[in-house]
Amino acid sequence: MNNAHLHMVINHLPIIFPIAGIVVLLVGIFSKSEVSKRNSYLLFIIGAMASIAAMATGEGAEETVENLPGVAESLIKTHEEASELFAGLSYVLGGASLLALLANFKGFKISNLMQFVVLAISAGSLYFAVEAGRTGGEIRHTEIRSGAVIKTGEQGENAYQNNSENTKKEKDED
C-alpha cells in the first residue's frame, strides 16, 4: 500500500464520522436521549482524530501523485487549502464535543446549551468537508472537474468535447 492508497482509505473518515454524528445528535436532541448525545460526541471526537490521520497521510499522497499525467499542481494546492480549513474546524468540533461530553457526564446545566453549539459547529464544518472532498476528488477524477473534457462515444474514439459546452448545448435545446 503506497501513500496515496493509504490517504484514500483514510480521507473519507473525517467526513463520514461527522455525518453520522449529526444524525445521532439529532436523534438524541429530539428523543431527549443523553446516551445518543454522548455517542454523537464520541463520533465527532473520532472524526477529529481521523482528520489528524488524513492530514498526516496527505503529504505522502501528494508526492505519489504530483507527477502523474492529468494531475495539476493547482488542484493539489486547492485541495490542500480546503483540507487544512476543514481539519481545523474538525479539531474545533472534536474539542467542543469533548467539553460537551464532560459536561453531560457531570450533569452541568451548560450541557443543554452545548448540544446546540456542537450541532452548529458540526453543520458548519460539513460545508467545508464537502469542499475538501470535492477538491480532492478533482485531483484524479477528471469527470467531476468544472469544464471537464469527456469522450463522447457517438463521435468515435478520438472525439472529445468540453463538458460545459455539452451542458450549454443541452440547455439551449430545451
Protein backbone atom coordinates (compact mmCIF):
# COMPACT_ATOMS: atom_id res chain seq x y z
CA MET A 1 0.00 0.00 0.00
CA ASN A 2 1.58 3.30 -1.08
CA ASN A 3 1.00 6.72 0.47
CA ALA A 4 -1.72 7.70 -1.99
CA HIS A 5 -3.66 4.50 -1.32
CA LEU A 6 -3.37 4.96 2.45
CA HIS A 7 -4.62 8.55 2.14
CA MET A 8 -7.56 7.45 0.00
CA VAL A 9 -8.53 4.84 2.59
CA ILE A 10 -8.37 7.30 5.49
CA ASN A 11 -9.58 10.57 3.92
CA HIS A 12 -13.26 9.59 3.87
CA LEU A 13 -13.45 9.02 7.62
CA PRO A 14 -13.28 12.70 8.70
CA ILE A 15 -16.34 13.29 6.50
CA ILE A 16 -18.31 10.17 7.40
CA PHE A 17 -18.00 10.44 11.19
CA PRO A 18 -19.48 13.96 11.42
CA ILE A 19 -22.37 12.99 9.15
CA ALA A 20 -23.16 10.05 11.41
CA GLY A 21 -22.60 12.26 14.46
CA ILE A 22 -25.15 14.83 13.28
CA VAL A 23 -27.76 12.13 12.72
CA VAL A 24 -27.15 10.61 16.16
CA LEU A 25 -27.11 14.04 17.82
CA LEU A 26 -30.42 15.00 16.22
CA VAL A 27 -31.90 11.71 17.43
CA GLY A 28 -30.59 12.50 20.91
CA ILE A 29 -31.98 16.04 20.90
CA PHE A 30 -35.43 15.07 19.66
CA SER A 31 -35.72 11.94 21.82
CA LYS A 32 -34.02 13.63 24.80
CA SER A 33 -31.64 10.66 24.97
CA GLU A 34 -28.44 11.51 26.81
CA VAL A 35 -26.88 8.24 25.60
CA SER A 36 -27.43 9.25 21.97
CA LYS A 37 -25.95 12.69 22.61
CA ARG A 38 -22.88 11.14 24.24
CA ASN A 39 -22.48 8.74 21.32
CA SER A 40 -22.64 11.62 18.88
CA TYR A 41 -19.94 13.48 20.81
CA LEU A 42 -17.76 10.38 20.58
CA LEU A 43 -18.34 10.20 16.82
CA PHE A 44 -17.24 13.83 16.46
CA ILE A 45 -14.12 13.17 18.55
CA ILE A 46 -13.24 10.12 16.44
CA GLY A 47 -13.82 12.24 13.33
CA ALA A 48 -11.32 14.81 14.61
CA MET A 49 -8.77 12.06 15.20
CA ALA A 50 -9.42 10.76 11.68
CA SER A 51 -8.68 14.29 10.41
CA ILE A 52 -5.28 14.09 12.03
CA ALA A 53 -4.60 10.83 10.20
CA ALA A 54 -5.88 12.20 6.88
CA MET A 55 -3.69 15.28 7.17
CA ALA A 56 -0.68 13.14 8.13
CA THR A 57 -1.05 10.98 5.02
CA GLY A 58 -1.79 13.87 2.66
CA GLU A 59 1.79 14.97 2.07
CA GLY A 60 2.89 11.46 1.12
CA ALA A 61 -0.08 11.15 -1.23
CA GLU A 62 0.88 14.43 -2.86
CA GLU A 63 4.40 13.18 -3.53
CA THR A 64 2.99 10.00 -5.07
CA VAL A 65 0.53 11.64 -7.49
CA GLU A 66 2.02 15.04 -8.31
CA ASN A 67 3.92 13.76 -11.36
CA LEU A 68 1.14 11.59 -12.76
CA PRO A 69 -0.43 12.59 -16.10
CA GLY A 70 -3.52 14.74 -15.69
CA VAL A 71 -2.63 15.90 -12.17
CA ALA A 72 -2.20 19.65 -11.87
CA GLU A 73 -0.28 21.21 -9.00
CA SER A 74 -3.00 23.86 -8.72
CA LEU A 75 -5.60 21.16 -7.97
CA ILE A 76 -3.41 19.73 -5.23
CA LYS A 77 -2.86 23.19 -3.74
CA THR A 78 -6.59 23.96 -3.77
CA HIS A 79 -7.34 20.64 -2.08
CA GLU A 80 -4.61 21.18 0.49
CA GLU A 81 -6.03 24.57 1.47
CA ALA A 82 -9.61 23.26 1.68
CA SER A 83 -8.44 20.27 3.72
CA GLU A 84 -6.49 22.43 6.18
CA LEU A 85 -9.56 24.57 6.79
CA PHE A 86 -11.81 21.54 7.23
CA ALA A 87 -9.28 19.84 9.52
CA GLY A 88 -9.10 22.95 11.70
CA LEU A 89 -12.88 23.01 12.03
CA SER A 90 -12.87 19.28 12.71
CA TYR A 91 -10.44 19.83 15.59
CA VAL A 92 -12.68 22.59 16.98
CA LEU A 93 -15.66 20.24 16.67
CA GLY A 94 -13.74 17.48 18.44
CA GLY A 95 -12.74 19.84 21.25
CA ALA A 96 -16.27 21.19 21.67
CA SER A 97 -17.59 17.62 21.68
CA LEU A 98 -15.12 16.63 24.38
CA LEU A 99 -16.29 19.56 26.52
CA ALA A 100 -19.93 18.68 25.83
CA LEU A 101 -19.29 15.05 26.73
CA LEU A 102 -17.66 16.01 30.03
CA ALA A 103 -20.45 18.49 30.82
CA ASN A 104 -23.03 15.83 30.04
CA PHE A 105 -21.36 13.24 32.27
CA LYS A 106 -21.03 15.72 35.14
CA GLY A 107 -24.63 16.87 34.72
CA PHE A 108 -23.71 20.53 34.25
CA LYS A 109 -26.55 22.76 33.08
CA ILE A 110 -24.37 24.05 30.26
CA SER A 111 -24.67 20.62 28.61
CA ASN A 112 -28.14 21.68 27.36
CA LEU A 113 -26.54 24.59 25.51
CA MET A 114 -23.51 22.56 24.38
CA GLN A 115 -25.63 20.17 22.32
CA PHE A 116 -26.71 23.08 20.13
CA VAL A 117 -23.20 24.56 19.98
CA VAL A 118 -21.84 21.20 18.81
CA LEU A 119 -24.69 20.87 16.30
CA ALA A 120 -23.94 24.32 14.85
CA ILE A 121 -20.20 23.65 14.60
CA SER A 122 -20.81 20.26 13.00
CA ALA A 123 -23.22 21.68 10.43
CA GLY A 124 -20.74 24.42 9.55
CA SER A 125 -17.84 22.01 9.29
CA LEU A 126 -19.79 19.75 6.93
CA TYR A 127 -19.87 22.52 4.34
CA PHE A 128 -16.08 22.60 4.39
CA ALA A 129 -15.96 18.79 4.44
CA VAL A 130 -17.83 18.74 1.14
CA GLU A 131 -15.42 21.29 -0.29
CA ALA A 132 -12.37 19.29 0.84
CA GLY A 133 -13.86 16.11 -0.61
CA ARG A 134 -14.78 17.77 -3.89
CA THR A 135 -11.37 19.33 -4.42
CA GLY A 136 -9.66 16.05 -3.50
CA GLY A 137 -11.80 14.13 -5.96
CA GLU A 138 -10.98 16.57 -8.74
CA ILE A 139 -7.29 15.71 -8.49
CA ARG A 140 -7.74 12.30 -10.10
CA HIS A 141 -11.35 12.26 -11.27
CA THR A 142 -11.36 14.43 -14.36
CA GLU A 143 -15.05 13.75 -14.95
CA ILE A 144 -16.07 15.88 -11.97
CA ARG A 145 -13.88 18.87 -12.76
CA SER A 146 -15.56 22.04 -13.89
CA GLY A 147 -15.14 22.24 -17.64
CA ALA A 148 -14.00 18.62 -17.83
CA VAL A 149 -13.19 17.17 -21.21
CA ILE A 150 -15.11 13.95 -21.79
CA LYS A 151 -15.02 11.40 -24.59
CA THR A 152 -18.26 11.04 -26.50
CA GLY A 153 -18.98 7.53 -27.72
CA GLU A 154 -21.16 8.52 -30.67
CA GLN A 155 -18.43 10.53 -32.42
CA GLY A 156 -15.69 7.95 -32.26
CA GLU A 157 -12.76 7.15 -30.05
CA ASN A 158 -10.80 10.32 -30.70
CA ALA A 159 -13.67 12.77 -30.31
CA TYR A 160 -13.67 14.91 -27.19
CA GLN A 161 -15.99 17.65 -26.04
CA ASN A 162 -15.90 20.12 -23.21
CA ASN A 163 -18.39 19.13 -20.52
CA SER A 164 -19.53 22.73 -20.00
CA GLU A 165 -20.22 23.02 -23.75
CA ASN A 166 -22.35 19.86 -23.60
CA THR A 167 -24.31 21.27 -20.69
CA LYS A 168 -24.82 24.56 -22.51
CA LYS A 169 -25.99 22.79 -25.69
CA GLU A 170 -28.45 20.69 -23.69
CA LYS A 171 -29.90 23.80 -22.04
CA ASP A 172 -30.20 25.59 -25.40
CA GLU A 173 -32.09 22.62 -26.84
CA ASP A 174 -34.68 22.72 -24.02
